[in-house]
Amino acid sequence: MEVCLDLCHHGAMPSIVVRDTVHILPREMLGRSTFGLSIWLLKWLPITLVDSLLLILSWLILGDTSRLGLRRPRMGPLQVKNLSGKTPVLDVGTFDKIKSGDIKVRPSIKRLKRNEVEFVDGVVENFDAIILATGYKSNVPSWLKEKEMFSQKDGLPRRPFPNGWKGENGLYAVGFTKRGLLGTSMDATRIAMDIETCWKSDCKHSLPSTSHLTQT
């Protein structure tokens, strides 16, 4: 969605294809970042209740997103992230452009022609360019000379969350949790604690022994 916003700011007339349900959340809630607020709430409340609070606040700030073609999943944003790795969209101004009509929301594409796009709802429009925002896949196994920590199939740690952050011989992995910045933060905290433990252990074993000479 940020690509559309950048195009809009530079004089283009972009459209965005939304093929599936999506959670859009404000970047800030109650004077705090949505991410920071979510982490704080999760310390005290179950994830289902935190999701409910996030959705209520989002509705109060953004309104009903479905009327603009942005339907929400039945499951809450944090639960969706935990189960599928799909990150909710933090709005940085795109939603206002959608409401004003500067950015159009379209359904799935049915077919492409020379300069035209036909959508599944029968609408046909002309476009100068199509940007495929298809995401990415981990290619770590293709260059890392290690076969135990990462799966050759999907490029992710073999151990499921929350135990995929540590390998052998000082190898760590951050951000492969499919849980966004929250998962990355948890990985980073565990790694920092592990490095501290290893460092203290090395220092303890490397301290030179002291001898005392008593002269009378």
N, C-alpha and C. Protein backbone atom coordinates (compact mmCIF):
# COMPACT_ATOMS: atom_id res chain seq x y z
N MET A 1 0.82 -1.20 0.00
CA MET A 1 0.00 0.00 0.00
C MET A 1 0.86 1.26 0.00
N GLU A 2 2.05 1.18 0.59
CA GLU A 2 2.94 2.33 0.61
C GLU A 2 3.42 2.68 -0.79
N VAL A 3 3.54 1.67 -1.67
CA VAL A 3 3.93 1.94 -3.06
C VAL A 3 2.89 2.83 -3.73
N CYS A 4 1.62 2.51 -3.52
CA CYS A 4 0.54 3.33 -4.07
C CYS A 4 0.58 4.74 -3.52
N LEU A 5 0.88 4.87 -2.24
CA LEU A 5 0.94 6.19 -1.62
C LEU A 5 2.06 7.02 -2.23
N ASP A 6 3.24 6.40 -2.43
CA ASP A 6 4.36 7.11 -3.06
C ASP A 6 4.00 7.55 -4.48
N LEU A 7 3.35 6.66 -5.23
CA LEU A 7 2.95 7.00 -6.59
C LEU A 7 1.97 8.17 -6.58
N CYS A 8 1.05 8.14 -5.66
CA CYS A 8 0.06 9.20 -5.54
C CYS A 8 0.71 10.54 -5.23
N HIS A 9 1.72 10.52 -4.39
CA HIS A 9 2.43 11.75 -4.02
C HIS A 9 3.22 12.32 -5.19
N HIS A 10 3.50 11.50 -6.20
CA HIS A 10 4.28 11.96 -7.35
C HIS A 10 3.43 12.09 -8.60
N GLY A 11 2.16 12.31 -8.42
CA GLY A 11 1.31 12.67 -9.55
C GLY A 11 0.69 11.53 -10.32
N ALA A 12 0.89 10.29 -9.88
CA ALA A 12 0.30 9.15 -10.58
C ALA A 12 -1.14 8.94 -10.10
N MET A 13 -1.86 8.09 -10.83
CA MET A 13 -3.23 7.73 -10.46
C MET A 13 -3.29 6.23 -10.25
N PRO A 14 -2.83 5.75 -9.11
CA PRO A 14 -2.68 4.31 -8.89
C PRO A 14 -3.96 3.62 -8.47
N SER A 15 -4.02 2.32 -8.75
CA SER A 15 -5.06 1.44 -8.23
C SER A 15 -4.36 0.28 -7.53
N ILE A 16 -5.01 -0.28 -6.53
CA ILE A 16 -4.43 -1.41 -5.79
C ILE A 16 -5.39 -2.59 -5.86
N VAL A 17 -4.85 -3.75 -6.20
CA VAL A 17 -5.65 -4.97 -6.26
C VAL A 17 -5.60 -5.66 -4.90
N VAL A 18 -6.76 -5.85 -4.31
CA VAL A 18 -6.86 -6.53 -3.01
C VAL A 18 -7.61 -7.84 -3.25
N ARG A 19 -6.88 -8.94 -3.23
CA ARG A 19 -7.47 -10.24 -3.57
C ARG A 19 -8.01 -10.98 -2.36
N ASP A 20 -7.59 -10.56 -1.17
CA ASP A 20 -7.96 -11.31 0.02
C ASP A 20 -8.30 -10.33 1.14
N THR A 21 -8.75 -10.86 2.26
CA THR A 21 -9.03 -10.01 3.41
C THR A 21 -7.73 -9.46 3.98
N VAL A 22 -7.83 -8.31 4.62
CA VAL A 22 -6.62 -7.67 5.14
C VAL A 22 -6.98 -6.81 6.35
N HIS A 23 -6.10 -6.83 7.35
CA HIS A 23 -6.26 -5.96 8.51
C HIS A 23 -5.47 -4.67 8.30
N ILE A 24 -6.15 -3.54 8.38
CA ILE A 24 -5.49 -2.24 8.35
C ILE A 24 -5.64 -1.60 9.72
N LEU A 25 -4.51 -1.23 10.31
CA LEU A 25 -4.51 -0.61 11.62
C LEU A 25 -3.86 0.77 11.54
N PRO A 26 -4.30 1.71 12.37
CA PRO A 26 -3.62 3.01 12.42
C PRO A 26 -2.18 2.83 12.89
N ARG A 27 -1.33 3.71 12.46
CA ARG A 27 0.08 3.62 12.89
C ARG A 27 0.22 3.90 14.38
N GLU A 28 -0.66 4.76 14.90
CA GLU A 28 -0.63 5.10 16.32
C GLU A 28 -2.02 4.97 16.93
N MET A 29 -2.06 4.55 18.18
CA MET A 29 -3.30 4.45 18.94
C MET A 29 -3.05 4.96 20.36
N LEU A 30 -3.96 5.80 20.85
CA LEU A 30 -3.87 6.32 22.21
C LEU A 30 -2.53 7.00 22.49
N GLY A 31 -1.99 7.65 21.47
CA GLY A 31 -0.74 8.37 21.62
C GLY A 31 0.51 7.51 21.60
N ARG A 32 0.35 6.22 21.31
CA ARG A 32 1.50 5.31 21.25
C ARG A 32 1.49 4.59 19.91
N SER A 33 2.66 4.08 19.53
CA SER A 33 2.71 3.29 18.30
C SER A 33 1.86 2.03 18.49
N THR A 34 1.20 1.61 17.43
CA THR A 34 0.35 0.43 17.51
C THR A 34 1.17 -0.79 17.91
N PHE A 35 2.37 -0.90 17.38
CA PHE A 35 3.25 -2.02 17.73
C PHE A 35 3.60 -2.00 19.21
N GLY A 36 4.01 -0.82 19.71
CA GLY A 36 4.37 -0.72 21.12
C GLY A 36 3.19 -0.98 22.04
N LEU A 37 2.03 -0.49 21.65
CA LEU A 37 0.82 -0.72 22.45
C LEU A 37 0.45 -2.19 22.48
N SER A 38 0.60 -2.86 21.34
CA SER A 38 0.28 -4.30 21.27
C SER A 38 1.19 -5.10 22.19
N ILE A 39 2.48 -4.81 22.15
CA ILE A 39 3.43 -5.53 23.00
C ILE A 39 3.11 -5.30 24.48
N TRP A 40 2.80 -4.07 24.83
CA TRP A 40 2.48 -3.76 26.23
C TRP A 40 1.22 -4.49 26.68
N LEU A 41 0.19 -4.50 25.85
CA LEU A 41 -1.06 -5.16 26.21
C LEU A 41 -0.89 -6.67 26.34
N LEU A 42 -0.03 -7.25 25.48
CA LEU A 42 0.17 -8.70 25.51
C LEU A 42 0.86 -9.17 26.79
N LYS A 43 1.48 -8.25 27.50
CA LYS A 43 2.10 -8.61 28.77
C LYS A 43 1.05 -8.90 29.84
N TRP A 44 -0.16 -8.34 29.65
CA TRP A 44 -1.17 -8.43 30.70
C TRP A 44 -2.44 -9.15 30.25
N LEU A 45 -2.71 -9.17 28.95
CA LEU A 45 -3.99 -9.68 28.46
C LEU A 45 -3.78 -10.79 27.44
N PRO A 46 -4.74 -11.71 27.30
CA PRO A 46 -4.66 -12.74 26.26
C PRO A 46 -4.76 -12.11 24.87
N ILE A 47 -4.23 -12.81 23.89
CA ILE A 47 -4.14 -12.27 22.54
C ILE A 47 -5.52 -11.98 21.94
N THR A 48 -6.52 -12.79 22.28
CA THR A 48 -7.86 -12.56 21.74
C THR A 48 -8.43 -11.23 22.22
N LEU A 49 -8.18 -10.90 23.49
CA LEU A 49 -8.68 -9.65 24.03
C LEU A 49 -7.91 -8.46 23.46
N VAL A 50 -6.61 -8.62 23.28
CA VAL A 50 -5.81 -7.55 22.66
C VAL A 50 -6.28 -7.29 21.24
N ASP A 51 -6.55 -8.36 20.50
CA ASP A 51 -7.07 -8.20 19.13
C ASP A 51 -8.39 -7.43 19.13
N SER A 52 -9.26 -7.76 20.07
CA SER A 52 -10.55 -7.08 20.15
C SER A 52 -10.37 -5.58 20.41
N LEU A 53 -9.46 -5.24 21.31
CA LEU A 53 -9.20 -3.84 21.61
C LEU A 53 -8.62 -3.11 20.40
N LEU A 54 -7.69 -3.77 19.69
CA LEU A 54 -7.09 -3.16 18.50
C LEU A 54 -8.14 -2.90 17.43
N LEU A 55 -9.06 -3.85 17.25
CA LEU A 55 -10.09 -3.69 16.22
C LEU A 55 -11.09 -2.60 16.60
N ILE A 56 -11.43 -2.51 17.88
CA ILE A 56 -12.36 -1.44 18.32
C ILE A 56 -11.73 -0.07 18.09
N LEU A 57 -10.46 0.08 18.46
CA LEU A 57 -9.78 1.36 18.27
C LEU A 57 -9.61 1.68 16.79
N SER A 58 -9.34 0.66 15.98
CA SER A 58 -9.21 0.86 14.54
C SER A 58 -10.52 1.33 13.93
N TRP A 59 -11.62 0.73 14.38
CA TRP A 59 -12.92 1.13 13.86
C TRP A 59 -13.25 2.57 14.24
N LEU A 60 -12.88 2.97 15.46
CA LEU A 60 -13.14 4.34 15.90
C LEU A 60 -12.30 5.35 15.11
N ILE A 61 -11.08 4.96 14.74
CA ILE A 61 -10.17 5.88 14.04
C ILE A 61 -10.39 5.85 12.52
N LEU A 62 -10.49 4.65 11.95
CA LEU A 62 -10.57 4.51 10.50
C LEU A 62 -11.99 4.34 9.98
N GLY A 63 -12.86 3.83 10.83
CA GLY A 63 -14.21 3.52 10.37
C GLY A 63 -14.28 2.13 9.78
N ASP A 64 -15.34 1.86 9.03
CA ASP A 64 -15.56 0.56 8.42
C ASP A 64 -14.77 0.47 7.11
N THR A 65 -13.69 -0.31 7.13
CA THR A 65 -12.84 -0.41 5.93
C THR A 65 -13.48 -1.24 4.82
N SER A 66 -14.42 -2.10 5.18
CA SER A 66 -15.01 -2.99 4.18
C SER A 66 -15.82 -2.23 3.13
N ARG A 67 -16.34 -1.06 3.49
CA ARG A 67 -17.14 -0.30 2.53
C ARG A 67 -16.28 0.27 1.40
N LEU A 68 -14.97 0.24 1.59
CA LEU A 68 -14.04 0.70 0.56
C LEU A 68 -13.33 -0.46 -0.12
N GLY A 69 -13.82 -1.68 0.11
CA GLY A 69 -13.24 -2.85 -0.55
C GLY A 69 -12.15 -3.53 0.23
N LEU A 70 -11.96 -3.15 1.47
CA LEU A 70 -10.90 -3.72 2.31
C LEU A 70 -11.54 -4.52 3.44
N ARG A 71 -11.93 -5.74 3.15
CA ARG A 71 -12.59 -6.60 4.13
C ARG A 71 -11.57 -7.17 5.12
N ARG A 72 -11.99 -7.25 6.36
CA ARG A 72 -11.11 -7.78 7.41
C ARG A 72 -11.31 -9.29 7.56
N PRO A 73 -10.27 -10.02 7.95
CA PRO A 73 -10.42 -11.45 8.27
C PRO A 73 -11.31 -11.64 9.49
N ARG A 74 -11.87 -12.82 9.64
CA ARG A 74 -12.67 -13.12 10.83
C ARG A 74 -11.80 -13.15 12.08
N MET A 75 -10.58 -13.57 11.93
CA MET A 75 -9.65 -13.66 13.05
C MET A 75 -8.95 -12.32 13.26
N GLY A 76 -8.56 -12.03 14.49
CA GLY A 76 -7.90 -10.76 14.81
C GLY A 76 -6.52 -10.64 14.19
N PRO A 77 -5.97 -9.42 14.11
CA PRO A 77 -4.69 -9.19 13.44
C PRO A 77 -3.50 -9.93 14.05
N LEU A 78 -3.42 -10.00 15.37
CA LEU A 78 -2.29 -10.69 16.00
C LEU A 78 -2.42 -12.20 15.86
N GLN A 79 -3.64 -12.71 15.91
CA GLN A 79 -3.85 -14.15 15.72
C GLN A 79 -3.53 -14.57 14.29
N VAL A 80 -3.92 -13.73 13.33
CA VAL A 80 -3.59 -14.02 11.92
C VAL A 80 -2.08 -14.05 11.73
N LYS A 81 -1.40 -13.10 12.36
CA LYS A 81 0.06 -13.04 12.25
C LYS A 81 0.70 -14.29 12.84
N ASN A 82 0.22 -14.74 13.98
CA ASN A 82 0.78 -15.92 14.64
C ASN A 82 0.58 -17.19 13.83
N LEU A 83 -0.58 -17.32 13.20
CA LEU A 83 -0.91 -18.56 12.50
C LEU A 83 -0.40 -18.61 11.07
N SER A 84 -0.43 -17.48 10.38
CA SER A 84 -0.09 -17.50 8.95
C SER A 84 1.13 -16.66 8.59
N GLY A 85 1.58 -15.80 9.52
CA GLY A 85 2.69 -14.92 9.21
C GLY A 85 2.28 -13.68 8.45
N LYS A 86 0.99 -13.51 8.19
CA LYS A 86 0.50 -12.36 7.44
C LYS A 86 0.42 -11.14 8.36
N THR A 87 1.20 -10.11 8.03
CA THR A 87 1.31 -8.94 8.88
C THR A 87 0.21 -7.94 8.60
N PRO A 88 -0.42 -7.39 9.64
CA PRO A 88 -1.41 -6.33 9.40
C PRO A 88 -0.74 -5.09 8.82
N VAL A 89 -1.48 -4.34 8.04
CA VAL A 89 -0.96 -3.13 7.40
C VAL A 89 -1.11 -1.96 8.36
N LEU A 90 -0.01 -1.27 8.64
CA LEU A 90 -0.06 -0.06 9.45
C LEU A 90 -0.21 1.13 8.52
N ASP A 91 -1.32 1.81 8.65
CA ASP A 91 -1.63 2.91 7.72
C ASP A 91 -0.75 4.12 7.98
N VAL A 92 -0.12 4.62 6.91
CA VAL A 92 0.74 5.81 7.00
C VAL A 92 0.18 6.94 6.13
N GLY A 93 -1.07 6.85 5.77
CA GLY A 93 -1.70 7.89 4.93
C GLY A 93 -2.41 7.34 3.73
N THR A 94 -2.21 6.06 3.43
CA THR A 94 -2.83 5.45 2.25
C THR A 94 -4.35 5.43 2.37
N PHE A 95 -4.84 5.15 3.56
CA PHE A 95 -6.29 4.99 3.73
C PHE A 95 -7.03 6.30 3.43
N ASP A 96 -6.44 7.43 3.80
CA ASP A 96 -7.06 8.72 3.47
C ASP A 96 -7.14 8.93 1.96
N LYS A 97 -6.10 8.48 1.25
CA LYS A 97 -6.10 8.59 -0.22
C LYS A 97 -7.14 7.67 -0.84
N ILE A 98 -7.37 6.52 -0.21
CA ILE A 98 -8.42 5.62 -0.70
C ILE A 98 -9.79 6.24 -0.48
N LYS A 99 -9.99 6.84 0.69
CA LYS A 99 -11.28 7.48 0.98
C LYS A 99 -11.56 8.66 0.06
N SER A 100 -10.50 9.38 -0.31
CA SER A 100 -10.69 10.54 -1.19
C SER A 100 -10.82 10.16 -2.66
N GLY A 101 -10.53 8.88 -2.97
CA GLY A 101 -10.63 8.43 -4.36
C GLY A 101 -9.35 8.59 -5.15
N ASP A 102 -8.29 9.11 -4.52
CA ASP A 102 -7.01 9.25 -5.23
C ASP A 102 -6.37 7.89 -5.50
N ILE A 103 -6.66 6.92 -4.65
CA ILE A 103 -6.23 5.54 -4.87
C ILE A 103 -7.48 4.67 -4.96
N LYS A 104 -7.59 3.90 -6.02
CA LYS A 104 -8.76 3.04 -6.22
C LYS A 104 -8.45 1.62 -5.77
N VAL A 105 -9.42 0.99 -5.14
CA VAL A 105 -9.28 -0.41 -4.72
C VAL A 105 -10.02 -1.28 -5.72
N ARG A 106 -9.31 -2.27 -6.26
CA ARG A 106 -9.89 -3.16 -7.26
C ARG A 106 -9.81 -4.61 -6.78
N PRO A 107 -10.72 -5.48 -7.28
CA PRO A 107 -10.66 -6.90 -6.93
C PRO A 107 -9.61 -7.62 -7.78
N SER A 108 -9.62 -8.94 -7.78
CA SER A 108 -8.62 -9.72 -8.52
C SER A 108 -8.69 -9.46 -10.02
N ILE A 109 -7.56 -9.68 -10.66
CA ILE A 109 -7.47 -9.51 -12.12
C ILE A 109 -7.95 -10.78 -12.82
N LYS A 110 -8.80 -10.60 -13.82
CA LYS A 110 -9.30 -11.74 -14.60
C LYS A 110 -8.38 -12.03 -15.78
N ARG A 111 -8.01 -10.98 -16.53
CA ARG A 111 -7.09 -11.17 -17.65
C ARG A 111 -6.40 -9.86 -17.98
N LEU A 112 -5.24 -9.98 -18.60
CA LEU A 112 -4.45 -8.84 -19.05
C LEU A 112 -4.48 -8.77 -20.57
N LYS A 113 -4.61 -7.56 -21.12
CA LYS A 113 -4.51 -7.33 -22.55
C LYS A 113 -3.32 -6.42 -22.81
N ARG A 114 -3.23 -5.86 -24.02
CA ARG A 114 -2.06 -5.06 -24.36
C ARG A 114 -1.85 -3.91 -23.38
N ASN A 115 -2.83 -3.06 -23.25
CA ASN A 115 -2.74 -1.94 -22.31
C ASN A 115 -3.91 -1.90 -21.34
N GLU A 116 -4.64 -2.99 -21.28
CA GLU A 116 -5.85 -3.03 -20.46
C GLU A 116 -5.79 -4.14 -19.43
N VAL A 117 -6.53 -3.91 -18.36
CA VAL A 117 -6.70 -4.93 -17.31
C VAL A 117 -8.18 -5.14 -17.10
N GLU A 118 -8.60 -6.38 -17.16
CA GLU A 118 -9.99 -6.71 -16.86
C GLU A 118 -10.04 -7.38 -15.50
N PHE A 119 -10.89 -6.82 -14.63
CA PHE A 119 -11.02 -7.34 -13.28
C PHE A 119 -12.19 -8.33 -13.20
N VAL A 120 -12.24 -9.09 -12.11
CA VAL A 120 -13.26 -10.13 -11.99
C VAL A 120 -14.67 -9.56 -11.89
N ASP A 121 -14.78 -8.28 -11.56
CA ASP A 121 -16.12 -7.66 -11.49
C ASP A 121 -16.56 -7.11 -12.85
N GLY A 122 -15.76 -7.35 -13.89
CA GLY A 122 -16.12 -6.92 -15.24
C GLY A 122 -15.58 -5.57 -15.65
N VAL A 123 -15.01 -4.81 -14.72
CA VAL A 123 -14.46 -3.49 -15.04
C VAL A 123 -13.17 -3.65 -15.85
N VAL A 124 -13.03 -2.82 -16.88
CA VAL A 124 -11.83 -2.82 -17.73
C VAL A 124 -11.21 -1.43 -17.67
N GLU A 125 -9.91 -1.36 -17.38
CA GLU A 125 -9.23 -0.07 -17.29
C GLU A 125 -7.89 -0.15 -18.00
N ASN A 126 -7.40 1.03 -18.42
CA ASN A 126 -6.08 1.15 -19.05
C ASN A 126 -5.04 1.51 -17.99
N PHE A 127 -3.88 0.88 -18.08
CA PHE A 127 -2.78 1.17 -17.16
C PHE A 127 -1.47 1.26 -17.94
N ASP A 128 -0.59 2.13 -17.46
CA ASP A 128 0.74 2.26 -18.07
C ASP A 128 1.73 1.24 -17.53
N ALA A 129 1.51 0.80 -16.30
CA ALA A 129 2.45 -0.16 -15.68
C ALA A 129 1.72 -0.98 -14.62
N ILE A 130 2.24 -2.19 -14.41
CA ILE A 130 1.72 -3.08 -13.37
C ILE A 130 2.88 -3.48 -12.46
N ILE A 131 2.72 -3.28 -11.17
CA ILE A 131 3.74 -3.64 -10.18
C ILE A 131 3.26 -4.89 -9.44
N LEU A 132 4.06 -5.95 -9.49
CA LEU A 132 3.71 -7.19 -8.82
C LEU A 132 4.33 -7.20 -7.42
N ALA A 133 3.52 -6.99 -6.42
CA ALA A 133 3.99 -7.01 -5.02
C ALA A 133 3.78 -8.41 -4.47
N THR A 134 4.67 -9.31 -4.83
CA THR A 134 4.49 -10.73 -4.56
C THR A 134 5.17 -11.23 -3.30
N GLY A 135 5.83 -10.30 -2.55
CA GLY A 135 6.51 -10.75 -1.34
C GLY A 135 7.86 -11.37 -1.65
N TYR A 136 8.38 -12.14 -0.72
CA TYR A 136 9.72 -12.71 -0.90
C TYR A 136 9.82 -14.04 -0.16
N LYS A 137 10.88 -14.76 -0.45
CA LYS A 137 11.13 -16.05 0.17
C LYS A 137 12.58 -16.10 0.65
N SER A 138 12.79 -16.71 1.78
CA SER A 138 14.14 -16.82 2.32
C SER A 138 15.01 -17.71 1.43
N ASN A 139 16.20 -17.21 1.09
CA ASN A 139 17.15 -18.00 0.30
C ASN A 139 18.41 -18.35 1.09
N VAL A 140 18.29 -18.30 2.43
CA VAL A 140 19.44 -18.57 3.29
C VAL A 140 20.13 -19.89 2.97
N PRO A 141 19.40 -21.00 2.77
CA PRO A 141 20.08 -22.28 2.50
C PRO A 141 20.94 -22.27 1.23
N SER A 142 20.71 -21.33 0.32
CA SER A 142 21.47 -21.30 -0.92
C SER A 142 22.88 -20.74 -0.74
N TRP A 143 23.12 -19.99 0.35
CA TRP A 143 24.45 -19.42 0.54
C TRP A 143 25.07 -19.74 1.90
N LEU A 144 24.28 -20.16 2.87
CA LEU A 144 24.84 -20.49 4.18
C LEU A 144 25.31 -21.95 4.19
N LYS A 145 26.57 -22.15 4.53
CA LYS A 145 27.14 -23.50 4.54
C LYS A 145 26.79 -24.19 5.86
N GLU A 146 25.53 -24.46 6.04
CA GLU A 146 25.01 -25.08 7.25
C GLU A 146 23.71 -25.79 6.88
N LYS A 147 23.58 -27.02 7.30
CA LYS A 147 22.44 -27.83 6.85
C LYS A 147 21.45 -28.19 7.96
N GLU A 148 21.79 -27.85 9.20
CA GLU A 148 20.96 -28.31 10.31
C GLU A 148 19.91 -27.29 10.77
N MET A 149 20.27 -26.02 10.78
CA MET A 149 19.39 -25.02 11.37
C MET A 149 18.23 -24.63 10.45
N PHE A 150 18.53 -24.46 9.15
CA PHE A 150 17.51 -23.97 8.21
C PHE A 150 17.00 -25.07 7.31
N SER A 151 15.72 -25.04 7.05
CA SER A 151 15.07 -26.01 6.17
C SER A 151 15.36 -25.68 4.71
N GLN A 152 15.68 -26.71 3.93
CA GLN A 152 15.91 -26.50 2.50
C GLN A 152 14.60 -26.21 1.77
N LYS A 153 13.50 -26.54 2.39
CA LYS A 153 12.20 -26.40 1.73
C LYS A 153 11.72 -24.95 1.69
N ASP A 154 11.72 -24.29 2.85
CA ASP A 154 11.19 -22.93 2.89
C ASP A 154 12.20 -21.88 3.36
N GLY A 155 13.43 -22.31 3.69
CA GLY A 155 14.45 -21.36 4.10
C GLY A 155 14.29 -20.82 5.51
N LEU A 156 13.42 -21.44 6.30
CA LEU A 156 13.17 -21.00 7.66
C LEU A 156 13.80 -21.97 8.66
N PRO A 157 14.02 -21.53 9.90
CA PRO A 157 14.56 -22.44 10.91
C PRO A 157 13.69 -23.69 11.08
N ARG A 158 14.35 -24.83 11.24
CA ARG A 158 13.61 -26.09 11.39
C ARG A 158 12.83 -26.13 12.70
N ARG A 159 13.40 -25.58 13.76
CA ARG A 159 12.71 -25.58 15.05
C ARG A 159 11.58 -24.56 15.02
N PRO A 160 10.42 -24.93 15.48
CA PRO A 160 9.29 -23.99 15.47
C PRO A 160 9.47 -22.88 16.51
N PHE A 161 8.78 -21.80 16.29
CA PHE A 161 8.79 -20.69 17.25
C PHE A 161 8.32 -21.18 18.61
N PRO A 162 8.98 -20.79 19.70
CA PRO A 162 9.98 -19.72 19.81
C PRO A 162 11.42 -20.23 19.91
N ASN A 163 11.72 -21.40 19.36
CA ASN A 163 13.04 -22.01 19.56
C ASN A 163 13.93 -21.99 18.31
N GLY A 164 13.56 -21.21 17.31
CA GLY A 164 14.34 -21.23 16.07
C GLY A 164 15.43 -20.20 15.98
N TRP A 165 15.71 -19.52 17.07
CA TRP A 165 16.66 -18.39 17.03
C TRP A 165 18.12 -18.81 17.19
N LYS A 166 18.38 -20.03 17.68
CA LYS A 166 19.76 -20.42 17.98
C LYS A 166 20.15 -21.69 17.25
N GLY A 167 21.34 -21.64 16.60
CA GLY A 167 21.90 -22.81 15.95
C GLY A 167 23.17 -23.25 16.67
N GLU A 168 24.06 -23.89 15.93
CA GLU A 168 25.32 -24.35 16.51
C GLU A 168 26.45 -23.38 16.19
N ASN A 169 27.50 -23.42 17.03
CA ASN A 169 28.73 -22.66 16.79
C ASN A 169 28.48 -21.16 16.69
N GLY A 170 27.61 -20.64 17.54
CA GLY A 170 27.40 -19.20 17.57
C GLY A 170 26.52 -18.65 16.47
N LEU A 171 25.74 -19.50 15.81
CA LEU A 171 24.85 -19.06 14.73
C LEU A 171 23.48 -18.69 15.31
N TYR A 172 23.04 -17.49 15.01
CA TYR A 172 21.73 -17.01 15.46
C TYR A 172 20.89 -16.59 14.27
N ALA A 173 19.57 -16.59 14.46
CA ALA A 173 18.64 -16.16 13.43
C ALA A 173 17.61 -15.22 14.03
N VAL A 174 17.44 -14.07 13.42
CA VAL A 174 16.48 -13.07 13.89
C VAL A 174 15.47 -12.77 12.77
N GLY A 175 14.20 -12.75 13.13
CA GLY A 175 13.19 -12.31 12.18
C GLY A 175 12.58 -13.37 11.32
N PHE A 176 12.77 -14.65 11.63
CA PHE A 176 12.19 -15.74 10.85
C PHE A 176 10.97 -16.34 11.53
N THR A 177 10.33 -15.58 12.40
CA THR A 177 9.26 -16.13 13.23
C THR A 177 7.88 -16.03 12.59
N LYS A 178 7.75 -15.27 11.52
CA LYS A 178 6.45 -14.96 10.89
C LYS A 178 5.54 -14.20 11.86
N ARG A 179 6.16 -13.46 12.76
CA ARG A 179 5.40 -12.70 13.74
C ARG A 179 5.79 -11.23 13.74
N GLY A 180 6.35 -10.76 12.64
CA GLY A 180 6.65 -9.35 12.49
C GLY A 180 7.67 -8.84 13.49
N LEU A 181 7.54 -7.55 13.82
CA LEU A 181 8.48 -6.92 14.73
C LEU A 181 8.41 -7.50 16.13
N LEU A 182 7.24 -7.98 16.51
CA LEU A 182 7.10 -8.59 17.84
C LEU A 182 7.98 -9.84 17.92
N GLY A 183 7.92 -10.71 16.93
CA GLY A 183 8.76 -11.91 16.91
C GLY A 183 10.24 -11.57 16.82
N THR A 184 10.56 -10.56 16.01
CA THR A 184 11.96 -10.13 15.90
C THR A 184 12.48 -9.62 17.23
N SER A 185 11.64 -8.86 17.94
CA SER A 185 12.03 -8.35 19.26
C SER A 185 12.28 -9.48 20.24
N MET A 186 11.44 -10.50 20.20
CA MET A 186 11.61 -11.64 21.11
C MET A 186 12.89 -12.40 20.78
N ASP A 187 13.17 -12.59 19.48
CA ASP A 187 14.43 -13.24 19.07
C ASP A 187 15.63 -12.45 19.57
N ALA A 188 15.61 -11.14 19.33
CA ALA A 188 16.74 -10.29 19.69
C ALA A 188 17.01 -10.31 21.19
N THR A 189 15.94 -10.32 21.98
CA THR A 189 16.10 -10.36 23.44
C THR A 189 16.75 -11.67 23.87
N ARG A 190 16.29 -12.79 23.32
CA ARG A 190 16.85 -14.09 23.69
C ARG A 190 18.31 -14.20 23.26
N ILE A 191 18.62 -13.68 22.09
CA ILE A 191 20.00 -13.74 21.60
C ILE A 191 20.92 -12.89 22.46
N ALA A 192 20.48 -11.70 22.83
CA ALA A 192 21.30 -10.83 23.69
C ALA A 192 21.57 -11.50 25.04
N MET A 193 20.56 -12.14 25.60
CA MET A 193 20.74 -12.84 26.88
C MET A 193 21.69 -14.02 26.73
N ASP A 194 21.59 -14.73 25.59
CA ASP A 194 22.47 -15.88 25.37
C ASP A 194 23.92 -15.43 25.18
N ILE A 195 24.12 -14.34 24.46
CA ILE A 195 25.47 -13.81 24.26
C ILE A 195 26.07 -13.37 25.59
N GLU A 196 25.25 -12.74 26.43
CA GLU A 196 25.72 -12.33 27.75
C GLU A 196 26.13 -13.53 28.59
N THR A 197 25.32 -14.60 28.54
CA THR A 197 25.64 -15.81 29.30
C THR A 197 26.94 -16.44 28.82
N CYS A 198 27.10 -16.52 27.50
CA CYS A 198 28.33 -17.10 26.93
C CYS A 198 29.55 -16.27 27.29
N TRP A 199 29.39 -14.95 27.23
CA TRP A 199 30.51 -14.06 27.52
C TRP A 199 30.95 -14.19 28.98
N LYS A 200 29.97 -14.23 29.87
CA LYS A 200 30.30 -14.37 31.30
C LYS A 200 30.96 -15.71 31.57
N SER A 201 30.48 -16.75 30.87
CA SER A 201 31.08 -18.07 31.06
C SER A 201 32.52 -18.10 30.57
N ASP A 202 32.79 -17.47 29.42
CA ASP A 202 34.15 -17.43 28.88
C ASP A 202 35.08 -16.63 29.80
N CYS A 203 34.56 -15.52 30.33
CA CYS A 203 35.39 -14.70 31.22
C CYS A 203 35.73 -15.46 32.50
N LYS A 204 34.77 -16.22 32.99
CA LYS A 204 34.99 -16.97 34.22
C LYS A 204 36.08 -18.01 34.07
N HIS A 205 36.11 -18.65 32.88
CA HIS A 205 37.10 -19.70 32.66
C HIS A 205 38.45 -19.17 32.21
N SER A 206 38.47 -17.91 31.76
CA SER A 206 39.74 -17.37 31.25
C SER A 206 40.45 -16.48 32.26
N LEU A 207 39.85 -16.26 33.43
CA LEU A 207 40.51 -15.43 34.45
C LEU A 207 41.78 -16.12 34.94
N PRO A 208 42.91 -15.40 34.96
CA PRO A 208 44.15 -16.01 35.44
C PRO A 208 44.10 -16.28 36.93
N SER A 209 44.66 -17.39 37.31
CA SER A 209 44.69 -17.73 38.73
C SER A 209 45.71 -16.84 39.44
N THR A 210 45.43 -16.47 40.65
CA THR A 210 46.33 -15.59 41.41
C THR A 210 47.03 -16.38 42.50
N SER A 211 48.27 -16.05 42.72
CA SER A 211 49.05 -16.72 43.76
C SER A 211 49.54 -15.68 44.76
N HIS A 212 49.71 -16.09 45.96
CA HIS A 212 50.13 -15.16 47.01
C HIS A 212 51.43 -15.67 47.62
N LEU A 213 52.34 -14.77 47.79
CA LEU A 213 53.61 -15.09 48.44
C LEU A 213 53.67 -14.37 49.78
N THR A 214 53.82 -15.15 50.83
CA THR A 214 53.91 -14.56 52.16
C THR A 214 55.34 -14.65 52.65
N GLN A 215 55.86 -13.52 53.01
CA GLN A 215 57.24 -13.48 53.48
C GLN A 215 57.27 -13.07 54.94
N THR A 216 58.00 -13.82 55.73
CA THR A 216 58.10 -13.51 57.16
C THR A 216 59.54 -13.17 57.51
